[in-house]
Protein backbone atom coordinates (compact mmCIF):
# COMPACT_ATOMS: atom_id res chain seq x y z
CA MET A 1 -6.63 -1.79 13.58
CA PRO A 2 -8.42 -4.59 11.80
CA ASP A 3 -7.08 -4.61 7.97
CA VAL A 4 -10.34 -3.21 6.37
CA LEU A 5 -9.90 -0.13 8.47
CA GLN A 6 -6.06 0.32 7.70
CA GLU A 7 -6.94 0.45 3.86
CA TRP A 8 -9.78 2.94 4.52
CA PHE A 9 -6.83 5.29 6.08
CA ARG A 10 -3.96 3.83 3.28
CA ALA A 11 -6.72 5.46 0.59
CA GLY A 12 -6.50 8.79 1.67
CA THR A 13 -4.86 10.92 -0.36
CA ALA A 14 -1.57 12.80 0.95
CA ASP A 15 -1.93 16.35 -0.61
CA GLY A 16 -4.82 17.60 2.50
CA PHE A 17 -7.78 17.72 0.19
CA ASN A 18 -11.16 15.87 1.44
CA VAL A 19 -11.27 13.55 -1.44
CA LEU A 20 -12.88 10.25 0.52
CA PRO A 21 -11.46 6.47 0.11
CA PRO A 22 -13.44 3.85 -1.20
CA VAL A 23 -15.46 1.60 1.07
CA PRO A 24 -15.23 -2.16 1.23
CA PRO A 25 -17.57 -3.89 -0.96
CA THR A 26 -17.54 -6.85 2.02
CA GLY A 27 -16.37 -7.11 5.29
CA PRO A 28 -16.87 -4.94 8.07
CA GLN A 29 -19.60 -2.82 8.40
CA LYS A 30 -19.02 -1.04 11.75
CA LEU A 31 -17.43 1.79 10.15
CA ALA A 32 -19.52 2.61 7.48
CA ASP A 33 -22.56 2.52 10.01
CA HIS A 34 -21.00 4.20 12.45
CA LEU A 35 -18.16 7.45 10.63
CA ILE A 36 -19.90 7.88 7.70
CA PRO A 37 -23.35 8.83 9.32
CA ILE A 38 -21.61 11.25 12.00
CA PHE A 39 -21.11 13.56 8.86
CA GLN A 40 -24.78 13.26 7.07
CA SER A 41 -25.30 16.87 7.69
CA ARG A 42 -23.38 17.76 4.58
CA GLY A 43 -25.40 15.47 2.58
CA LEU A 44 -23.54 11.98 1.57
CA SER A 45 -24.33 9.63 -1.24
CA ARG A 46 -23.07 6.53 -2.57
CA LEU A 47 -22.01 6.19 -6.43
CA GLU A 48 -21.99 3.26 -7.22
CA HIS A 49 -20.29 1.42 -9.71
CA THR A 50 -20.17 -2.21 -11.36
CA GLY A 51 -16.48 -2.27 -12.67
CA ARG A 52 -15.34 -4.43 -9.71
CA ALA A 53 -16.83 -8.00 -9.20
CA SER A 54 -18.15 -8.48 -5.70
CA GLY A 55 -16.47 -11.15 -5.23
CA ASP A 56 -13.29 -9.22 -5.49
CA HIS A 57 -11.85 -9.14 -1.65
CA THR A 58 -8.47 -8.70 -2.14
CA GLY A 59 -6.86 -5.13 -1.93
CA ILE A 60 -8.83 -1.49 -1.98
CA PRO A 61 -8.48 0.35 -4.99
CA ARG A 62 -6.99 3.59 -4.13
CA PRO A 63 -8.85 6.67 -5.50
CA PRO A 64 -6.08 8.84 -8.11
CA GLY A 65 -3.79 11.24 -6.22
CA ARG A 66 -4.73 14.07 -8.94
CA ILE A 67 -7.45 16.41 -7.73
CA SER A 68 -8.82 16.98 -11.43
CA GLY A 69 -12.46 18.76 -10.60
CA ARG A 70 -14.88 20.13 -7.67
CA GLY A 71 -18.43 18.19 -6.44
CA ALA A 72 -21.45 20.06 -6.21
CA ASP A 73 -19.83 22.01 -2.83
CA GLY A 74 -17.28 23.66 -4.17
CA ARG A 75 -15.18 21.08 -2.72
CA PRO A 76 -11.83 19.14 -4.59
CA MET A 77 -12.87 16.14 -6.05
CA ALA A 78 -11.22 13.26 -7.67
CA LEU A 79 -12.73 12.21 -11.29
CA ASP A 80 -12.22 8.91 -13.13
CA SER A 81 -11.76 7.62 -9.64
CA PRO A 82 -11.59 3.40 -10.01
CA ALA A 83 -14.38 1.38 -10.18
CA THR A 84 -15.63 0.60 -6.91
CA THR A 85 -18.12 1.78 -4.52
CA CYS A 86 -16.64 5.26 -3.93
CA LEU A 87 -18.49 8.66 -1.50
CA THR A 88 -19.07 12.04 -1.96
CA PHE A 89 -20.87 14.35 -0.42
CA MET A 90 -23.54 16.52 -2.30
CA GLY A 91 -26.05 18.60 -0.93
CA ASP A 92 -27.84 18.87 2.28
CA GLY A 93 -29.58 16.43 5.07
CA THR A 94 -29.74 16.10 8.92
CA ARG A 95 -29.55 13.50 11.63
CA ASP A 96 -29.60 13.59 15.67
CA GLY A 97 -31.17 16.76 15.62
CA ASP A 98 -28.24 18.57 13.50
CA THR A 99 -29.92 21.95 12.22
CA ALA A 100 -26.95 23.50 10.60
CA GLY A 101 -27.19 23.72 6.63
CA PRO A 102 -25.01 24.69 4.05
CA ASP A 103 -25.08 28.34 4.54
CA ALA A 104 -24.42 27.58 8.27
CA GLY A 105 -21.36 29.85 8.05
CA PRO A 106 -17.70 28.48 9.59
CA ALA A 107 -17.53 25.44 11.97
CA LEU A 108 -16.53 27.84 15.00
CA SER A 109 -16.84 31.32 15.15
CA VAL A 110 -15.35 33.19 18.09
CA ARG A 111 -15.74 37.25 18.41
CA GLY A 112 -14.39 39.33 21.10
CA LEU A 113 -13.54 36.92 23.60
CA THR A 114 -12.50 37.56 27.08
CA LYS A 115 -11.96 35.48 29.80
CA THR A 116 -10.75 36.60 33.24
CA TYR A 117 -11.05 34.63 35.96
CA ARG A 118 -12.13 35.22 39.69
CA GLY A 119 -8.32 36.20 40.84
CA GLY A 120 -8.20 38.73 38.50
CA PHE A 121 -5.77 36.99 35.56
CA THR A 122 -6.87 37.18 32.19
CA ALA A 123 -6.36 33.97 30.06
CA ILE A 124 -7.89 35.14 26.81
CA GLU A 125 -9.03 39.10 25.55
CA GLY A 126 -10.69 40.08 22.65
CA LEU A 127 -9.69 36.90 20.48
CA ASP A 128 -10.76 36.29 17.29
CA LEU A 129 -11.41 33.44 15.35
CA ASP A 130 -12.77 31.75 12.24
CA ILE A 131 -11.85 27.34 11.60
CA PRO A 132 -13.74 26.78 8.15
CA ASP A 133 -16.04 23.97 7.72
CA GLY A 134 -14.34 20.98 7.12
CA ALA A 135 -10.98 22.17 8.38
CA PHE A 136 -7.71 20.59 10.14
CA PHE A 137 -7.20 23.30 12.44
CA GLY A 138 -3.93 23.34 15.10
CA LEU A 139 -3.31 25.62 17.95
CA LEU A 140 -0.67 26.05 19.21
CA GLY A 141 1.34 27.67 22.14
CA PRO A 142 2.96 27.50 25.21
CA ASN A 143 1.31 26.68 28.68
CA GLY A 144 -1.09 29.50 29.91
CA ALA A 145 -1.24 30.45 26.44
CA GLY A 146 -5.04 30.23 26.78
CA LYS A 147 -6.09 27.19 24.89
CA THR A 148 -7.52 25.31 27.40
CA THR A 149 -9.78 28.51 28.22
CA LEU A 150 -10.96 28.94 24.75
CA ILE A 151 -11.80 25.11 24.06
CA GLY A 152 -13.65 25.17 27.84
CA ALA A 153 -15.31 28.06 26.43
CA VAL A 154 -16.69 26.64 23.47
CA CYS A 155 -17.72 23.47 25.16
CA ASN A 156 -19.49 25.43 27.92
CA LEU A 157 -17.30 24.21 30.45
CA LEU A 158 -16.81 28.11 31.42
CA ARG A 159 -18.35 31.21 31.29
CA PRO A 160 -16.46 33.63 29.58
CA THR A 161 -16.61 37.32 30.38
CA ALA A 162 -17.29 38.51 27.33
CA GLY A 163 -17.86 37.92 23.47
CA GLU A 164 -19.62 35.36 21.28
CA ILE A 165 -19.50 31.96 19.93
CA GLN A 166 -20.81 30.55 17.81
CA VAL A 167 -21.06 26.88 16.26
CA PHE A 168 -22.14 26.04 12.73
CA GLY A 169 -24.41 29.19 13.29
CA HIS A 170 -25.44 28.51 16.56
CA HIS A 171 -24.90 29.81 19.58
CA HIS A 172 -22.79 28.38 22.00
CA GLU A 173 -25.57 27.35 24.66
CA SER A 174 -27.71 26.20 22.81
CA ARG A 175 -28.49 22.95 22.02
CA ASP A 176 -27.86 22.20 18.83
CA ALA A 177 -24.33 23.52 19.25
CA ARG A 178 -23.68 21.36 22.22
CA ARG A 179 -24.26 18.37 19.67
CA LEU A 180 -22.46 19.43 17.29
CA VAL A 181 -19.26 19.24 19.52
CA GLY A 182 -17.36 16.41 20.49
CA LEU A 183 -14.55 16.78 22.76
CA ALA A 184 -11.91 14.78 23.77
CA GLU A 185 -10.37 16.05 26.73
CA GLN A 186 -6.36 16.60 27.35
CA GLU A 187 -7.21 15.42 31.34
CA ILE A 188 -8.66 11.39 31.74
CA ASN A 189 -11.99 12.42 33.09
CA LEU A 190 -13.81 9.08 33.33
CA ASP A 191 -16.24 7.70 35.41
CA ARG A 192 -15.11 5.35 37.81
CA PHE A 193 -18.25 3.89 38.96
CA LEU A 194 -19.13 2.96 35.23
CA ASN A 195 -17.81 0.29 33.20
CA ILE A 196 -16.82 1.80 29.61
CA GLY A 197 -19.99 0.24 27.75
CA GLU A 198 -21.85 2.28 30.31
CA ILE A 199 -19.82 5.36 30.08
CA LEU A 200 -20.32 5.45 26.18
CA VAL A 201 -24.59 5.18 26.55
CA TYR A 202 -24.65 7.69 29.65
CA HIS A 203 -22.96 10.17 26.99
CA ALA A 204 -25.14 9.60 23.88
CA GLY A 205 -28.05 9.85 26.87
CA TYR A 206 -27.24 13.50 27.45
CA HIS A 207 -27.58 13.98 23.98
CA GLY A 208 -30.93 12.30 23.70
CA ILE A 209 -30.34 9.32 22.58
CA GLY A 210 -32.40 6.10 23.24
CA ARG A 211 -30.76 3.36 24.89
CA ARG A 212 -30.54 1.01 22.33
CA GLU A 213 -29.59 3.49 19.62
CA ALA A 214 -26.93 4.00 22.68
CA ARG A 215 -25.96 0.88 22.92
CA ARG A 216 -25.65 -0.14 19.31
CA ARG A 217 -23.26 2.62 18.66
CA ALA A 218 -21.30 2.05 21.92
CA ARG A 219 -20.54 -1.65 20.26
CA GLU A 220 -19.55 -0.45 17.07
CA LEU A 221 -17.24 2.39 18.77
CA LEU A 222 -16.01 -0.27 21.18
CA ASP A 223 -14.66 -2.74 18.26
CA LEU A 224 -13.80 -0.02 16.15
CA PHE A 225 -11.43 1.22 19.22
CA LYS A 226 -9.94 -2.79 19.51
CA LEU A 227 -12.04 -2.03 22.91
CA GLY A 228 -14.82 -4.56 22.83
CA ASP A 229 -13.88 -7.27 25.05
CA LYS A 230 -13.31 -4.49 27.51
CA ALA A 231 -17.05 -3.45 27.57
CA LYS A 232 -17.64 -4.34 31.10
CA SER A 233 -14.67 -3.35 32.24
CA ARG A 234 -13.63 -0.47 34.49
CA HIS A 235 -11.55 3.00 32.94
CA THR A 236 -9.29 1.75 35.90
CA GLU A 237 -8.59 -1.36 34.69
CA LEU A 238 -7.43 -0.26 31.09
CA SER A 239 -4.01 1.18 30.10
CA GLY A 240 -3.38 4.86 29.51
CA GLY A 241 -3.59 4.35 25.65
CA MET A 242 -7.17 2.62 26.02
CA GLN A 243 -8.23 5.26 28.00
CA ARG A 244 -7.03 7.25 25.05
CA ARG A 245 -9.42 5.73 22.37
CA LEU A 246 -11.97 5.06 25.42
CA LEU A 247 -12.05 8.83 25.12
CA LEU A 248 -12.19 9.92 21.39
CA ALA A 249 -14.85 7.11 21.40
CA ARG A 250 -16.85 9.02 23.85
CA ALA A 251 -16.41 12.31 21.76
CA LEU A 252 -17.77 10.67 19.01
CA MET A 253 -20.72 8.73 20.80
CA HIS A 254 -23.36 11.24 19.24
CA ARG A 255 -21.69 11.73 15.89
CA PRO A 256 -20.58 15.48 16.02
CA ARG A 257 -19.25 17.84 12.83
CA LEU A 258 -16.68 19.82 15.35
CA ILE A 259 -14.22 17.27 17.08
CA ILE A 260 -11.94 19.13 19.38
CA LEU A 261 -9.12 17.17 20.47
CA ASP A 262 -6.97 18.50 23.70
CA GLU A 263 -3.49 17.27 22.90
CA PRO A 264 -4.52 13.62 22.72
CA THR A 265 -1.14 12.00 21.84
CA ALA A 266 -0.23 13.09 25.64
CA GLY A 267 1.86 10.36 27.25
CA VAL A 268 1.14 8.23 24.41
CA ASP A 269 3.77 5.26 23.08
CA VAL A 270 4.80 5.38 19.25
CA GLU A 271 2.81 3.06 18.03
CA LEU A 272 -0.69 4.66 19.53
CA ARG A 273 0.44 8.22 18.37
CA ALA A 274 0.68 6.69 14.86
CA GLU A 275 -2.90 5.42 15.27
CA ILE A 276 -4.77 8.14 16.74
CA TRP A 277 -2.71 9.91 13.89
CA ARG A 278 -4.37 7.82 11.34
CA TYR A 279 -8.39 7.59 13.22
CA THR A 280 -7.93 11.48 13.14
CA ARG A 281 -6.97 12.10 9.34
CA LEU A 282 -9.82 9.49 8.39
CA LEU A 283 -12.22 11.69 10.49
CA ASN A 284 -11.02 14.65 8.91
CA GLU A 285 -11.26 13.05 5.55
CA LEU A 286 -15.04 11.88 5.84
CA GLY A 287 -15.69 16.00 6.41
CA ALA A 288 -15.58 16.37 10.08
CA THR A 289 -13.67 19.78 10.96
CA ILE A 290 -10.80 18.93 13.78
CA LEU A 291 -9.21 21.55 16.13
CA LEU A 292 -6.64 20.17 17.52
CA THR A 293 -3.90 21.38 20.50
CA THR A 294 -0.82 19.67 20.87
CA HIS A 295 3.07 20.32 22.06
CA TYR A 296 3.85 17.94 19.28
CA LEU A 297 4.76 20.24 16.71
CA GLU A 298 5.82 17.54 14.03
CA GLU A 299 2.59 16.57 15.18
CA ALA A 300 0.34 19.37 13.73
CA GLU A 301 3.16 19.95 10.81
CA ALA A 302 1.64 16.35 9.78
CA LEU A 303 -1.81 16.20 10.34
CA CYS A 304 -3.04 19.93 10.11
CA ARG A 305 -4.09 21.92 7.10
CA GLU A 306 -3.57 25.68 9.04
CA ILE A 307 -2.78 26.61 11.86
CA ALA A 308 -2.74 29.42 14.71
CA LEU A 309 -0.08 30.04 17.12
CA LEU A 310 -1.45 31.75 20.70
CA ARG A 311 0.07 33.44 23.15
CA ALA A 312 -1.03 35.20 26.00
CA GLY A 313 -4.45 35.12 24.44
CA GLN A 314 -4.22 36.48 21.43
CA ILE A 315 -3.08 34.95 18.12
CA ILE A 316 0.49 36.33 16.64
CA ALA A 317 0.47 34.03 13.36
CA ARG A 318 -1.82 32.10 11.64
CA GLY A 319 -1.55 30.10 8.06
CA SER A 320 -0.63 27.16 6.40
CA PRO A 321 2.38 25.20 7.68
CA GLU A 322 4.04 26.22 4.40
CA ALA A 323 2.78 29.96 4.39
CA LEU A 324 4.21 29.75 8.32
CA ARG A 325 7.62 28.70 6.66
CA ARG A 326 8.00 30.93 4.19
CA GLN A 327 6.79 33.78 6.62
CA PHE A 328 9.72 33.30 8.92
CA ARG A 329 12.23 32.09 6.94
CA ALA A 330 12.25 28.78 8.78
CA ALA A 331 12.93 24.89 7.40
CA ASP A 332 10.22 23.28 9.69
CA LEU A 333 7.38 24.48 12.39
CA ALA A 334 9.72 24.12 14.95
CA GLY A 335 11.99 27.07 13.50
CA VAL A 336 8.38 28.67 12.82
CA TYR A 337 7.64 28.62 16.55
CA ALA A 338 10.66 29.97 18.26
CA ARG A 339 11.19 32.59 16.07
CA ALA A 340 7.44 33.63 16.38
CA MET A 341 7.47 33.51 20.57
CA ALA A 342 11.60 35.29 20.48
CA ARG A 343 9.86 37.86 17.96
CA GLU A 344 6.34 38.26 20.89
CA GLU A 345 9.13 38.59 23.84
CA ASP A 346 11.43 41.54 21.88
CA ALA A 347 8.19 43.41 21.45
CA TRP A 348 6.99 42.59 25.72
CA ALA A 349 10.34 43.56 26.14
CA THR A 350 10.11 46.82 24.58
CA GLY A 351 7.00 47.73 25.04
CA GLY A 352 5.79 47.73 21.68
CA LEU A 353 3.66 45.40 19.17
CA PRO A 354 5.15 42.86 16.92
């Protein structure tokens, strides 16, 4: 990862608020050119400050850690920031056909979702879920809890039996909703007959992006994810970690506002896992809504500001990691998970409700 990009990640605050890191005044612009426009649907304005010499390339000032005010959109923002070029979200705008506005409601709204498969198995029944715009939301549960079914329904990979799904106020089957969602799936589902540059360009074409613009975005993302020298390679020639990065790059090609990561760090080494954490944190700090599923509880605790526990197609607990620890009197999220699942097992065994 380029040093400039590392500084971007280090500049983020640890308190979970959407305070944007400063933009480097010089150096590689591929990060700003691609990731910042991803979220221009919120409206993005540059605040120029002249207190820093343009020739000063050493280090990037950190924004202050405290939150001392709120922006025009009600989001927490840092005041008295260092003299440098900073970004803040204000107003509203559009891009890539996005018509969602500030009154579009939650990023994801699910009402009464039910999915019964052909064999009679009901994976989800009557599920209600709202994920706020700008959230970093974790969805945890055992295998078979319904996580993949929920994601498949949101992304139109399967047809729900009943219920309603809206993405930023759009019906999930509409073209507007599809443009607003980016999915990095758990399985490596890449076309073996295309090189990785073509994989990204073809994906952009599905969303109506012209070939010239698609090639530009593909180059930027491949460079960003350190795959630029592999553009002509087939994905079968990449390591497992490189393929994971390619899945994330593909999910970002059409600049979505809701990014769904289905176990993005499954089977990757410690170094790549930390790198994916940094990427996802930056995306959320820039304003993207992140829906993360994972079996690594420490990962959810480190990244997510809100978590829902799913079992047998139902949400059995929801809250911030701190609130869940208090509710279940647990020292960490692993303890929360164990106690919540044990409570549900006891309820099923006695035939009652928790």
